[in-house]
Amino acid sequence: MTGGWAEYAWPPAIALVSIMLIFLVDVIAERYAEAKFGATHGHGGGLENGRTEAEVAGEATSSKVTSMAGFCKYFFSTYVFSLFRSRANGYMYVAQEPKEVSNENGKSDASGEYVGDVESVYNRREFYSQFSAFLILEFGVIFHSVIIGLALGVAGEEFNTLFPVLVFHQGFEGLGIGARMSAIPFKTGSWLPWFLCLAYGLSTPIAIAIGLGLRGSYNPGSFTANVVSGILDSLSAGILIYTGLVELLARDFLFDPKRTRDSRKLAFMLTCTILGAGLMALLGKWA
């Protein structure tokens, strides 16, 4: 590299820009979800006067819901904190709501409709939360896969080494994407999972075909090729770093209320995660 490209370490700078852009997209998507579901995020996470979530929930549950106003008070005091904590957790944490609420005359209110509406809001917000996080991961992997496919399509003598390494590399990435996708509550018969699977599965083969078509005229060692591949690789690296740290490690190990309390199982999970990261780093020696 020559000129300005040689005077500054551009790859980490571009990766940092990519991380901040994804962060902004994540914040905007979260704000959109808040506005869409008609809730506001106040200071203190929806708790008043320093009370704990359990105290607020207990107070709201013990009070009787006798009107729409009473239900609204019950909803906000019981659920709003959990609603906004759910994005960090990665799972929709729903307090135990009563299936039937009695009014002051001892008669049952038709609160099932309200509970159903609340559950519908939670389910939709859970879907949008997990789906937006998955799209960030998917796009980062696809960018990376395109570069890998192009490199394989124009490879020469290094093809024999590069091909088996990329098979394992893409296979592990596919397992990770599939595992994350399986946790998203898609509607029965939805075409989105099929489309997302095809997008990942076809990105590398299509890039390989393009590389084969350009094999005679494409010079992977040229200045332009190095700049383009370097920018795309750096953007992809930023996306994958953000996804790996925020959406995967932080969400699954730090903020997940459903995380196992079994120390041995947790140690096994951490060991597998570290070994997986080490193996992928080792594959990077040849890929």
C-alpha atoms as a PDB file:
ATOM      1  CA  MET A   1       0.000   0.000   0.000  1.00  0.00           C
ATOM      2  CA  THR A   2       1.179   3.507  -0.778  1.00  0.00           C
ATOM      3  CA  GLY A   3       0.155   7.082  -0.065  1.00  0.00           C
ATOM      4  CA  GLY A   4      -2.356   7.797   2.662  1.00  0.00           C
ATOM      5  CA  TRP A   5      -3.231   4.122   2.992  1.00  0.00           C
ATOM      6  CA  ALA A   6       0.302   3.448   4.226  1.00  0.00           C
ATOM      7  CA  GLU A   7       0.478   6.401   6.643  1.00  0.00           C
ATOM      8  CA  TYR A   8      -2.331   5.351   8.959  1.00  0.00           C
ATOM      9  CA  ALA A   9      -3.698   2.081  10.338  1.00  0.00           C
ATOM     10  CA  TRP A  10      -6.990   2.229   8.439  1.00  0.00           C
ATOM     11  CA  PRO A  11      -8.348  -1.296   9.127  1.00  0.00           C
ATOM     12  CA  PRO A  12      -8.939  -0.761  12.885  1.00  0.00           C
ATOM     13  CA  ALA A  13     -10.233   2.762  12.185  1.00  0.00           C
ATOM     14  CA  ILE A  14     -12.777   1.484   9.659  1.00  0.00           C
ATOM     15  CA  ALA A  15     -13.723  -1.343  12.029  1.00  0.00           C
ATOM     16  CA  LEU A  16     -14.324   1.228  14.793  1.00  0.00           C
ATOM     17  CA  VAL A  17     -16.515   3.295  12.464  1.00  0.00           C
ATOM     18  CA  SER A  18     -18.451   0.133  11.629  1.00  0.00           C
ATOM     19  CA  ILE A  19     -18.941  -0.639  15.330  1.00  0.00           C
ATOM     20  CA  MET A  20     -20.271   2.850  16.045  1.00  0.00           C
ATOM     21  CA  LEU A  21     -22.601   2.738  13.032  1.00  0.00           C
ATOM     22  CA  ILE A  22     -24.061  -0.578  14.177  1.00  0.00           C
ATOM     23  CA  PHE A  23     -24.405   0.845  17.676  1.00  0.00           C
ATOM     24  CA  LEU A  24     -26.370   3.807  16.295  1.00  0.00           C
ATOM     25  CA  VAL A  25     -28.563   1.486  14.232  1.00  0.00           C
ATOM     26  CA  ASP A  26     -29.211  -0.586  17.349  1.00  0.00           C
ATOM     27  CA  VAL A  27     -30.165   2.498  19.387  1.00  0.00           C
ATOM     28  CA  ILE A  28     -32.438   3.844  16.637  1.00  0.00           C
ATOM     29  CA  ALA A  29     -34.123   0.453  16.252  1.00  0.00           C
ATOM     30  CA  GLU A  30     -34.669   0.286  20.009  1.00  0.00           C
ATOM     31  CA  ARG A  31     -36.095   3.802  20.061  1.00  0.00           C
ATOM     32  CA  TYR A  32     -38.398   2.918  17.187  1.00  0.00           C
ATOM     33  CA  ALA A  33     -39.640  -0.119  19.089  1.00  0.00           C
ATOM     34  CA  GLU A  34     -40.317   2.031  22.150  1.00  0.00           C
ATOM     35  CA  ALA A  35     -42.296   4.541  20.099  1.00  0.00           C
ATOM     36  CA  LYS A  36     -44.140   1.809  18.205  1.00  0.00           C
ATOM     37  CA  PHE A  37     -45.333   0.116  21.372  1.00  0.00           C
ATOM     38  CA  GLY A  38     -46.335   3.393  22.993  1.00  0.00           C
ATOM     39  CA  ALA A  39     -44.016   3.302  26.006  1.00  0.00           C
ATOM     40  CA  THR A  40     -41.468   5.797  27.243  1.00  0.00           C
ATOM     41  CA  HIS A  41     -38.244   5.037  29.012  1.00  0.00           C
ATOM     42  CA  GLY A  42     -37.862   7.318  32.012  1.00  0.00           C
ATOM     43  CA  HIS A  43     -34.882   7.677  34.304  1.00  0.00           C
ATOM     44  CA  GLY A  44     -34.577   4.869  36.786  1.00  0.00           C
ATOM     45  CA  GLY A  45     -35.968   2.236  34.442  1.00  0.00           C
ATOM     46  CA  GLY A  46     -39.591   2.854  35.372  1.00  0.00           C
ATOM     47  CA  LEU A  47     -39.132   2.483  39.137  1.00  0.00           C
ATOM     48  CA  GLU A  48     -40.236   5.202  41.512  1.00  0.00           C
ATOM     49  CA  ASN A  49     -38.440   6.441  44.647  1.00  0.00           C
ATOM     50  CA  GLY A  50     -35.791   3.734  44.442  1.00  0.00           C
ATOM     51  CA  ARG A  51     -38.210   0.866  44.980  1.00  0.00           C
ATOM     52  CA  THR A  52     -37.222  -2.522  43.709  1.00  0.00           C
ATOM     53  CA  GLU A  53     -38.998  -4.258  40.877  1.00  0.00           C
ATOM     54  CA  ALA A  54     -40.331  -6.911  43.262  1.00  0.00           C
ATOM     55  CA  GLU A  55     -41.840  -4.267  45.565  1.00  0.00           C
ATOM     56  CA  VAL A  56     -43.535  -2.501  42.682  1.00  0.00           C
ATOM     57  CA  ALA A  57     -44.816  -5.744  41.200  1.00  0.00           C
ATOM     58  CA  GLY A  58     -46.068  -6.972  44.575  1.00  0.00           C
ATOM     59  CA  GLU A  59     -47.887  -3.719  45.259  1.00  0.00           C
ATOM     60  CA  ALA A  60     -49.483  -3.737  41.822  1.00  0.00           C
ATOM     61  CA  THR A  61     -50.517  -7.378  42.044  1.00  0.00           C
ATOM     62  CA  SER A  62     -52.111  -6.984  45.471  1.00  0.00           C
ATOM     63  CA  SER A  63     -54.235  -4.047  44.325  1.00  0.00           C
ATOM     64  CA  LYS A  64     -57.509  -4.770  42.552  1.00  0.00           C
ATOM     65  CA  VAL A  65     -57.954  -3.758  38.946  1.00  0.00           C
ATOM     66  CA  THR A  66     -61.398  -2.187  38.786  1.00  0.00           C
ATOM     67  CA  SER A  67     -61.269  -0.059  35.642  1.00  0.00           C
ATOM     68  CA  MET A  68     -59.251   0.789  32.567  1.00  0.00           C
ATOM     69  CA  ALA A  69     -57.348   3.393  34.608  1.00  0.00           C
ATOM     70  CA  GLY A  70     -56.587   0.757  37.222  1.00  0.00           C
ATOM     71  CA  PHE A  71     -55.372  -1.632  34.570  1.00  0.00           C
ATOM     72  CA  CYS A  72     -53.121   1.041  33.045  1.00  0.00           C
ATOM     73  CA  LYS A  73     -51.582   1.706  36.465  1.00  0.00           C
ATOM     74  CA  TYR A  74     -51.119  -2.026  36.956  1.00  0.00           C
ATOM     75  CA  PHE A  75     -49.544  -2.384  33.521  1.00  0.00           C
ATOM     76  CA  PHE A  76     -46.990   0.403  33.863  1.00  0.00           C
ATOM     77  CA  SER A  77     -46.019  -0.323  37.466  1.00  0.00           C
ATOM     78  CA  THR A  78     -45.612  -4.050  36.818  1.00  0.00           C
ATOM     79  CA  TYR A  79     -44.327  -4.353  33.265  1.00  0.00           C
ATOM     80  CA  VAL A  80     -42.535  -1.242  32.048  1.00  0.00           C
ATOM     81  CA  PHE A  81     -39.306  -1.965  33.918  1.00  0.00           C
ATOM     82  CA  SER A  82     -39.248  -5.522  32.595  1.00  0.00           C
ATOM     83  CA  LEU A  83     -40.112  -4.326  29.102  1.00  0.00           C
ATOM     84  CA  PHE A  84     -37.057  -2.100  28.828  1.00  0.00           C
ATOM     85  CA  ARG A  85     -34.782  -4.526  30.584  1.00  0.00           C
ATOM     86  CA  SER A  86     -35.718  -7.167  28.037  1.00  0.00           C
ATOM     87  CA  ARG A  87     -33.522  -5.688  25.272  1.00  0.00           C
ATOM     88  CA  ALA A  88     -30.410  -6.134  27.412  1.00  0.00           C
ATOM     89  CA  ASN A  89     -31.494  -9.580  28.521  1.00  0.00           C
ATOM     90  CA  GLY A  90     -32.286 -10.801  25.053  1.00  0.00           C
ATOM     91  CA  TYR A  91     -35.378 -12.554  26.356  1.00  0.00           C
ATOM     92  CA  MET A  92     -38.812 -11.197  27.131  1.00  0.00           C
ATOM     93  CA  TYR A  93     -39.135 -11.179  30.904  1.00  0.00           C
ATOM     94  CA  VAL A  94     -42.832 -11.107  31.764  1.00  0.00           C
ATOM     95  CA  ALA A  95     -44.099 -10.771  35.316  1.00  0.00           C
ATOM     96  CA  GLN A  96     -46.828 -13.137  36.419  1.00  0.00           C
ATOM     97  CA  GLU A  97     -50.085 -11.529  35.430  1.00  0.00           C
ATOM     98  CA  PRO A  98     -53.431 -12.680  36.819  1.00  0.00           C
ATOM     99  CA  LYS A  99     -55.602 -14.605  34.428  1.00  0.00           C
ATOM    100  CA  GLU A 100     -58.732 -13.322  36.141  1.00  0.00           C
ATOM    101  CA  VAL A 101     -59.110 -10.125  38.144  1.00  0.00           C
ATOM    102  CA  SER A 102     -61.999  -9.482  40.520  1.00  0.00           C
ATOM    103  CA  ASN A 103     -63.513  -6.061  41.003  1.00  0.00           C
ATOM    104  CA  GLU A 104     -64.660  -4.513  44.249  1.00  0.00           C
ATOM    105  CA  ASN A 105     -68.053  -6.256  43.965  1.00  0.00           C
ATOM    106  CA  GLY A 106     -66.449  -9.653  43.759  1.00  0.00           C
ATOM    107  CA  LYS A 107     -67.313 -10.068  40.097  1.00  0.00           C
ATOM    108  CA  SER A 108     -64.822 -11.083  37.506  1.00  0.00           C
ATOM    109  CA  ASP A 109     -63.670  -8.409  35.088  1.00  0.00           C
ATOM    110  CA  ALA A 110     -63.071  -9.223  31.430  1.00  0.00           C
ATOM    111  CA  SER A 111     -59.360  -8.657  31.923  1.00  0.00           C
ATOM    112  CA  GLY A 112     -58.411 -11.558  29.695  1.00  0.00           C
ATOM    113  CA  GLU A 113     -58.563  -9.226  26.727  1.00  0.00           C
ATOM    114  CA  TYR A 114     -56.146  -6.840  28.433  1.00  0.00           C
ATOM    115  CA  VAL A 115     -53.759  -9.647  29.342  1.00  0.00           C
ATOM    116  CA  GLY A 116     -53.940 -10.930  25.796  1.00  0.00           C
ATOM    117  CA  ASP A 117     -53.088  -7.486  24.456  1.00  0.00           C
ATOM    118  CA  VAL A 118     -50.126  -7.214  26.846  1.00  0.00           C
ATOM    119  CA  GLU A 119     -48.840 -10.637  25.840  1.00  0.00           C
ATOM    120  CA  SER A 120     -49.207  -9.682  22.184  1.00  0.00           C
ATOM    121  CA  VAL A 121     -47.113  -6.554  22.745  1.00  0.00           C
ATOM    122  CA  TYR A 122     -44.446  -8.579  24.539  1.00  0.00           C
ATOM    123  CA  ASN A 123     -44.332 -11.234  21.821  1.00  0.00           C
ATOM    124  CA  ARG A 124     -44.011  -8.659  19.064  1.00  0.00           C
ATOM    125  CA  ARG A 125     -41.312  -6.735  20.894  1.00  0.00           C
ATOM    126  CA  GLU A 126     -39.403  -9.922  21.637  1.00  0.00           C
ATOM    127  CA  PHE A 127     -39.503 -10.824  17.965  1.00  0.00           C
ATOM    128  CA  TYR A 128     -38.306  -7.383  16.818  1.00  0.00           C
ATOM    129  CA  SER A 129     -35.549  -7.358  19.437  1.00  0.00           C
ATOM    130  CA  GLN A 130     -34.150 -10.762  18.517  1.00  0.00           C
ATOM    131  CA  PHE A 131     -34.692 -10.307  14.789  1.00  0.00           C
ATOM    132  CA  SER A 132     -32.844  -6.969  14.629  1.00  0.00           C
ATOM    133  CA  ALA A 133     -29.907  -8.484  16.524  1.00  0.00           C
ATOM    134  CA  PHE A 134     -29.884 -11.450  14.155  1.00  0.00           C
ATOM    135  CA  LEU A 135     -29.908  -9.237  11.057  1.00  0.00           C
ATOM    136  CA  ILE A 136     -26.791  -7.449  12.301  1.00  0.00           C
ATOM    137  CA  LEU A 137     -25.063 -10.807  12.699  1.00  0.00           C
ATOM    138  CA  GLU A 138     -26.305 -12.080   9.328  1.00  0.00           C
ATOM    139  CA  PHE A 139     -25.146  -9.023   7.386  1.00  0.00           C
ATOM    140  CA  GLY A 140     -21.720  -9.118   8.993  1.00  0.00           C
ATOM    141  CA  VAL A 141     -21.266 -12.776   8.127  1.00  0.00           C
ATOM    142  CA  ILE A 142     -22.521 -12.265   4.559  1.00  0.00           C
ATOM    143  CA  PHE A 143     -20.035  -9.433   3.942  1.00  0.00           C
ATOM    144  CA  HIS A 144     -17.292 -11.702   5.224  1.00  0.00           C
ATOM    145  CA  SER A 145     -18.518 -14.647   3.134  1.00  0.00           C
ATOM    146  CA  VAL A 146     -18.460 -12.601  -0.070  1.00  0.00           C
ATOM    147  CA  ILE A 147     -14.788 -11.754   0.417  1.00  0.00           C
ATOM    148  CA  ILE A 148     -14.023 -15.388   1.224  1.00  0.00           C
ATOM    149  CA  GLY A 149     -15.813 -16.557  -1.924  1.00  0.00           C
ATOM    150  CA  LEU A 150     -13.952 -14.094  -4.129  1.00  0.00           C
ATOM    151  CA  ALA A 151     -10.623 -15.140  -2.619  1.00  0.00           C
ATOM    152  CA  LEU A 152     -11.409 -18.808  -3.229  1.00  0.00           C
ATOM    153  CA  GLY A 153     -12.601 -18.182  -6.798  1.00  0.00           C
ATOM    154  CA  VAL A 154      -9.350 -16.511  -7.844  1.00  0.00           C
ATOM    155  CA  ALA A 155      -7.071 -18.730  -5.742  1.00  0.00           C
ATOM    156  CA  GLY A 156      -4.177 -20.431  -7.466  1.00  0.00           C
ATOM    157  CA  GLU A 157      -1.824 -22.931  -5.868  1.00  0.00           C
ATOM    158  CA  GLU A 158      -3.139 -22.056  -2.405  1.00  0.00           C
ATOM    159  CA  PHE A 159      -6.572 -23.488  -3.301  1.00  0.00           C
ATOM    160  CA  ASN A 160      -5.757 -26.928  -1.838  1.00  0.00           C
ATOM    161  CA  THR A 161      -5.065 -25.358   1.556  1.00  0.00           C
ATOM    162  CA  LEU A 162      -7.717 -22.653   1.412  1.00  0.00           C
ATOM    163  CA  PHE A 163     -10.679 -24.828   0.421  1.00  0.00           C
ATOM    164  CA  PRO A 164     -10.827 -27.244   3.411  1.00  0.00           C
ATOM    165  CA  VAL A 165     -10.163 -24.393   5.835  1.00  0.00           C
ATOM    166  CA  LEU A 166     -13.052 -22.377   4.402  1.00  0.00           C
ATOM    167  CA  VAL A 167     -15.352 -25.404   4.509  1.00  0.00           C
ATOM    168  CA  PHE A 168     -14.826 -25.688   8.272  1.00  0.00           C
ATOM    169  CA  HIS A 169     -14.968 -21.910   8.683  1.00  0.00           C
ATOM    170  CA  GLN A 170     -18.271 -21.513   6.841  1.00  0.00           C
ATOM    171  CA  GLY A 171     -19.684 -24.616   8.512  1.00  0.00           C
ATOM    172  CA  PHE A 172     -19.067 -23.244  12.008  1.00  0.00           C
ATOM    173  CA  GLU A 173     -20.521 -19.874  11.044  1.00  0.00           C
ATOM    174  CA  GLY A 174     -23.575 -21.627   9.630  1.00  0.00           C
ATOM    175  CA  LEU A 175     -24.071 -23.542  12.876  1.00  0.00           C
ATOM    176  CA  GLY A 176     -23.882 -20.301  14.835  1.00  0.00           C
ATOM    177  CA  ILE A 177     -26.374 -18.532  12.581  1.00  0.00           C
ATOM    178  CA  GLY A 178     -28.739 -21.507  12.657  1.00  0.00           C
ATOM    179  CA  ALA A 179     -28.623 -21.736  16.452  1.00  0.00           C
ATOM    180  CA  ARG A 180     -29.353 -18.031  16.804  1.00  0.00           C
ATOM    181  CA  MET A 181     -32.156 -18.160  14.244  1.00  0.00           C
ATOM    182  CA  SER A 182     -33.812 -21.127  15.961  1.00  0.00           C
ATOM    183  CA  ALA A 183     -34.380 -18.975  19.063  1.00  0.00           C
ATOM    184  CA  ILE A 184     -36.366 -16.342  17.137  1.00  0.00           C
ATOM    185  CA  PRO A 185     -40.151 -16.859  17.435  1.00  0.00           C
ATOM    186  CA  PHE A 186     -41.034 -16.716  13.734  1.00  0.00           C
ATOM    187  CA  LYS A 187     -44.663 -17.197  12.809  1.00  0.00           C
ATOM    188  CA  THR A 188     -45.611 -20.623  11.497  1.00  0.00           C
ATOM    189  CA  GLY A 189     -45.197 -20.690   7.735  1.00  0.00           C
ATOM    190  CA  SER A 190     -43.098 -17.521   7.624  1.00  0.00           C
ATOM    191  CA  TRP A 191     -40.801 -17.219   4.617  1.00  0.00           C
ATOM    192  CA  LEU A 192     -38.210 -15.113   6.464  1.00  0.00           C
ATOM    193  CA  PRO A 193     -36.166 -18.015   7.927  1.00  0.00           C
ATOM    194  CA  TRP A 194     -35.956 -19.658   4.520  1.00  0.00           C
ATOM    195  CA  PHE A 195     -34.845 -16.429   2.884  1.00  0.00           C
ATOM    196  CA  LEU A 196     -32.209 -15.767   5.556  1.00  0.00           C
ATOM    197  CA  CYS A 197     -30.860 -19.311   5.253  1.00  0.00           C
ATOM    198  CA  LEU A 198     -30.626 -18.963   1.478  1.00  0.00           C
ATOM    199  CA  ALA A 199     -28.944 -15.561   1.801  1.00  0.00           C
ATOM    200  CA  TYR A 200     -26.160 -17.065   3.894  1.00  0.00           C
ATOM    201  CA  GLY A 201     -25.958 -20.356   2.001  1.00  0.00           C
ATOM    202  CA  LEU A 202     -25.717 -18.723  -1.439  1.00  0.00           C
ATOM    203  CA  SER A 203     -23.475 -15.755  -0.628  1.00  0.00           C
ATOM    204  CA  THR A 204     -20.204 -17.689  -0.760  1.00  0.00           C
ATOM    205  CA  PRO A 205     -21.051 -19.842  -3.840  1.00  0.00           C
ATOM    206  CA  ILE A 206     -22.190 -16.769  -5.787  1.00  0.00           C
ATOM    207  CA  ALA A 207     -19.014 -14.934  -4.792  1.00  0.00           C
ATOM    208  CA  ILE A 208     -16.968 -17.964  -5.888  1.00  0.00           C
ATOM    209  CA  ALA A 209     -18.737 -17.916  -9.267  1.00  0.00           C
ATOM    210  CA  ILE A 210     -17.970 -14.211  -9.639  1.00  0.00           C
ATOM    211  CA  GLY A 211     -14.355 -14.882  -8.730  1.00  0.00           C
ATOM    212  CA  LEU A 212     -14.126 -17.646 -11.335  1.00  0.00           C
ATOM    213  CA  GLY A 213     -15.630 -15.333 -13.952  1.00  0.00           C
ATOM    214  CA  LEU A 214     -13.105 -12.614 -13.148  1.00  0.00           C
ATOM    215  CA  ARG A 215     -10.222 -15.031 -12.730  1.00  0.00           C
ATOM    216  CA  GLY A 216      -8.559 -13.976 -15.975  1.00  0.00           C
ATOM    217  CA  SER A 217      -8.780 -10.227 -15.384  1.00  0.00           C
ATOM    218  CA  TYR A 218      -8.917  -9.958 -11.603  1.00  0.00           C
ATOM    219  CA  ASN A 219      -5.613  -9.463  -9.820  1.00  0.00           C
ATOM    220  CA  PRO A 220      -6.047 -10.039  -6.061  1.00  0.00           C
ATOM    221  CA  GLY A 221      -2.688  -8.376  -5.434  1.00  0.00           C
ATOM    222  CA  SER A 222      -3.534  -5.114  -7.200  1.00  0.00           C
ATOM    223  CA  PHE A 223      -3.885  -1.815  -5.370  1.00  0.00           C
ATOM    224  CA  THR A 224      -7.621  -1.490  -6.074  1.00  0.00           C
ATOM    225  CA  ALA A 225      -8.354  -5.070  -5.025  1.00  0.00           C
ATOM    226  CA  ASN A 226      -6.454  -4.606  -1.776  1.00  0.00           C
ATOM    227  CA  VAL A 227      -8.317  -1.371  -0.969  1.00  0.00           C
ATOM    228  CA  VAL A 228     -11.767  -2.810  -1.720  1.00  0.00           C
ATOM    229  CA  SER A 229     -11.207  -6.095   0.106  1.00  0.00           C
ATOM    230  CA  GLY A 230      -9.572  -4.288   3.028  1.00  0.00           C
ATOM    231  CA  ILE A 231     -12.510  -1.908   3.455  1.00  0.00           C
ATOM    232  CA  LEU A 232     -15.090  -4.702   3.239  1.00  0.00           C
ATOM    233  CA  ASP A 233     -13.110  -6.913   5.619  1.00  0.00           C
ATOM    234  CA  SER A 234     -12.782  -4.050   8.116  1.00  0.00           C
ATOM    235  CA  LEU A 235     -16.500  -3.243   7.947  1.00  0.00           C
ATOM    236  CA  SER A 236     -17.309  -6.908   8.432  1.00  0.00           C
ATOM    237  CA  ALA A 237     -14.865  -7.147  11.337  1.00  0.00           C
ATOM    238  CA  GLY A 238     -16.550  -4.227  13.108  1.00  0.00           C
ATOM    239  CA  ILE A 239     -19.997  -5.763  12.669  1.00  0.00           C
ATOM    240  CA  LEU A 240     -18.850  -9.160  13.923  1.00  0.00           C
ATOM    241  CA  ILE A 241     -16.964  -7.668  16.895  1.00  0.00           C
ATOM    242  CA  TYR A 242     -20.048  -5.722  17.984  1.00  0.00           C
ATOM    243  CA  THR A 243     -22.298  -8.739  17.491  1.00  0.00           C
ATOM    244  CA  GLY A 244     -19.938 -11.119  19.254  1.00  0.00           C
ATOM    245  CA  LEU A 245     -19.404  -8.931  22.311  1.00  0.00           C
ATOM    246  CA  VAL A 246     -22.807  -7.269  22.711  1.00  0.00           C
ATOM    247  CA  GLU A 247     -25.380  -9.590  21.168  1.00  0.00           C
ATOM    248  CA  LEU A 248     -23.756 -12.935  21.977  1.00  0.00           C
ATOM    249  CA  LEU A 249     -21.381 -12.831  24.960  1.00  0.00           C
ATOM    250  CA  ALA A 250     -23.041 -10.031  26.949  1.00  0.00           C
ATOM    251  CA  ARG A 251     -26.588 -11.147  26.209  1.00  0.00           C
ATOM    252  CA  ASP A 252     -26.120 -14.880  26.743  1.00  0.00           C
ATOM    253  CA  PHE A 253     -23.697 -14.847  29.665  1.00  0.00           C
ATOM    254  CA  LEU A 254     -24.109 -11.547  31.536  1.00  0.00           C
ATOM    255  CA  PHE A 255     -27.700 -10.359  31.107  1.00  0.00           C
ATOM    256  CA  ASP A 256     -29.622 -13.574  30.529  1.00  0.00           C
ATOM    257  CA  PRO A 257     -31.943 -14.376  33.481  1.00  0.00           C
ATOM    258  CA  LYS A 258     -32.375 -17.894  32.098  1.00  0.00           C
ATOM    259  CA  ARG A 259     -28.654 -18.627  32.216  1.00  0.00           C
ATOM    260  CA  THR A 260     -27.890 -21.832  34.070  1.00  0.00           C
ATOM    261  CA  ARG A 261     -27.053 -21.589  37.762  1.00  0.00           C
ATOM    262  CA  ASP A 262     -25.117 -24.840  37.560  1.00  0.00           C
ATOM    263  CA  SER A 263     -21.459 -23.842  37.972  1.00  0.00           C
ATOM    264  CA  ARG A 264     -20.164 -26.933  36.170  1.00  0.00           C
ATOM    265  CA  LYS A 265     -22.456 -26.435  33.204  1.00  0.00           C
ATOM    266  CA  LEU A 266     -21.591 -22.740  33.061  1.00  0.00           C
ATOM    267  CA  ALA A 267     -17.877 -23.575  33.162  1.00  0.00           C
ATOM    268  CA  PHE A 268     -18.413 -26.059  30.315  1.00  0.00           C
ATOM    269  CA  MET A 269     -20.239 -23.415  28.266  1.00  0.00           C
ATOM    270  CA  LEU A 270     -17.464 -20.884  28.852  1.00  0.00           C
ATOM    271  CA  THR A 271     -14.815 -23.457  27.944  1.00  0.00           C
ATOM    272  CA  CYS A 272     -16.607 -24.314  24.693  1.00  0.00           C
ATOM    273  CA  THR A 273     -16.948 -20.623  23.833  1.00  0.00           C
ATOM    274  CA  ILE A 274     -13.263 -19.941  24.435  1.00  0.00           C
ATOM    275  CA  LEU A 275     -12.187 -23.051  22.518  1.00  0.00           C
ATOM    276  CA  GLY A 276     -14.446 -22.098  19.625  1.00  0.00           C
ATOM    277  CA  ALA A 277     -12.950 -18.614  19.484  1.00  0.00           C
ATOM    278  CA  GLY A 278      -9.465 -20.111  19.601  1.00  0.00           C
ATOM    279  CA  LEU A 279     -10.182 -22.570  16.779  1.00  0.00           C
ATOM    280  CA  MET A 280     -11.631 -19.842  14.564  1.00  0.00           C
ATOM    281  CA  ALA A 281      -8.569 -17.695  15.263  1.00  0.00           C
ATOM    282  CA  LEU A 282      -6.358 -20.646  14.304  1.00  0.00           C
ATOM    283  CA  LEU A 283      -8.231 -21.091  11.027  1.00  0.00           C
ATOM    284  CA  GLY A 284      -7.468 -17.436  10.318  1.00  0.00           C
ATOM    285  CA  LYS A 285      -3.814 -18.408   9.858  1.00  0.00           C
ATOM    286  CA  TRP A 286      -4.739 -20.060   6.547  1.00  0.00           C
ATOM    287  CA  ALA A 287      -7.979 -18.253   5.675  1.00  0.00           C
END
